[in-house]
């Protein structure tokens, strides 16, 4: 839920997962 409010945070987390 919080991540949905912070699109930037969600994108950063996704980038980390990609690595």
PDB file of N, CA and C in Angstrom:
ATOM      1  N   UNK A   1       0.824  -1.205   0.000  1.00  0.00           N
ATOM      2  CA  UNK A   1       0.000   0.000   0.000  1.00  0.00           C
ATOM      3  C   UNK A   1       0.865   1.264   0.000  1.00  0.00           C
ATOM      4  N   UNK A   2       1.803   1.343   0.897  1.00  0.00           N
ATOM      5  CA  UNK A   2       2.682   2.520   0.963  1.00  0.00           C
ATOM      6  C   UNK A   2       3.470   2.652  -0.339  1.00  0.00           C
ATOM      7  N   UNK A   3       3.908   1.512  -0.851  1.00  0.00           N
ATOM      8  CA  UNK A   3       4.686   1.548  -2.092  1.00  0.00           C
ATOM      9  C   UNK A   3       3.851   2.130  -3.233  1.00  0.00           C
ATOM     10  N   UNK A   4       2.561   1.796  -3.229  1.00  0.00           N
ATOM     11  CA  UNK A   4       1.688   2.305  -4.292  1.00  0.00           C
ATOM     12  C   UNK A   4       1.649   3.832  -4.251  1.00  0.00           C
ATOM     13  N   UNK A   5       1.705   4.402  -3.049  1.00  0.00           N
ATOM     14  CA  UNK A   5       1.678   5.855  -2.921  1.00  0.00           C
ATOM     15  C   UNK A   5       3.012   6.444  -3.365  1.00  0.00           C
ATOM     16  N   UNK A   6       4.076   5.683  -3.198  1.00  0.00           N
ATOM     17  CA  UNK A   6       5.406   6.178  -3.599  1.00  0.00           C
ATOM     18  C   UNK A   6       5.868   5.431  -4.849  1.00  0.00           C
ATOM     19  N   UNK A   7       5.503   5.962  -6.008  1.00  0.00           N
ATOM     20  CA  UNK A   7       5.887   5.285  -7.256  1.00  0.00           C
ATOM     21  C   UNK A   7       7.411   5.223  -7.371  1.00  0.00           C
ATOM     22  N   UNK A   8       8.073   6.280  -6.926  1.00  0.00           N
ATOM     23  CA  UNK A   8       9.542   6.309  -7.013  1.00  0.00           C
ATOM     24  C   UNK A   8      10.142   5.175  -6.177  1.00  0.00           C
ATOM     25  N   UNK A   9       9.645   4.990  -4.985  1.00  0.00           N
ATOM     26  CA  UNK A   9      10.159   3.931  -4.113  1.00  0.00           C
ATOM     27  C   UNK A   9       9.922   2.574  -4.764  1.00  0.00           C
ATOM     28  N   UNK A  10       8.758   2.386  -5.335  1.00  0.00           N
ATOM     29  CA  UNK A  10       8.440   1.102  -5.973  1.00  0.00           C
ATOM     30  C   UNK A  10       9.402   0.871  -7.143  1.00  0.00           C
ATOM     31  N   UNK A  11       9.667   1.908  -7.910  1.00  0.00           N
ATOM     32  CA  UNK A  11      10.567   1.766  -9.063  1.00  0.00           C
ATOM     33  C   UNK A  11      11.965   1.411  -8.567  1.00  0.00           C
ATOM     34  N   UNK A  12      12.394   2.080  -7.512  1.00  0.00           N
ATOM     35  CA  UNK A  12      13.741   1.788  -6.990  1.00  0.00           C
ATOM     36  C   UNK A  12      13.825   0.337  -6.527  1.00  0.00           C
ATOM     37  N   UNK A  13      12.792  -0.107  -5.842  1.00  0.00           N
ATOM     38  CA  UNK A  13      12.798  -1.495  -5.348  1.00  0.00           C
ATOM     39  C   UNK A  13      12.848  -2.464  -6.525  1.00  0.00           C
ATOM     40  N   UNK A  14      12.121  -2.149  -7.573  1.00  0.00           N
ATOM     41  CA  UNK A  14      12.108  -3.030  -8.749  1.00  0.00           C
ATOM     42  C   UNK A  14      13.507  -3.091  -9.355  1.00  0.00           C
ATOM     43  N   UNK A  15      14.166  -1.961  -9.420  1.00  0.00           N
ATOM     44  CA  UNK A  15      15.517  -1.927  -9.992  1.00  0.00           C
ATOM     45  C   UNK A  15      16.450  -2.822  -9.180  1.00  0.00           C
ATOM     46  N   UNK A  16      16.332  -2.739  -7.880  1.00  0.00           N
ATOM     47  CA  UNK A  16      17.191  -3.565  -7.017  1.00  0.00           C
ATOM     48  C   UNK A  16      16.914  -5.043  -7.271  1.00  0.00           C
ATOM     49  N   UNK A  17      15.645  -5.366  -7.439  1.00  0.00           N
ATOM     50  CA  UNK A  17      15.276  -6.776  -7.663  1.00  0.00           C
ATOM     51  C   UNK A  17      15.868  -7.255  -8.987  1.00  0.00           C
ATOM     52  N   UNK A  18      15.876  -6.366  -9.988  1.00  0.00           N
ATOM     53  CA  UNK A  18      16.408  -6.752 -11.300  1.00  0.00           C
ATOM     54  C   UNK A  18      17.870  -7.163 -11.169  1.00  0.00           C
ATOM     55  N   UNK A  19      18.583  -6.404 -10.338  1.00  0.00           N
ATOM     56  CA  UNK A  19      20.002  -6.716 -10.135  1.00  0.00           C
ATOM     57  C   UNK A  19      20.120  -8.062  -9.439  1.00  0.00           C
TER      58      UNK A  19
END
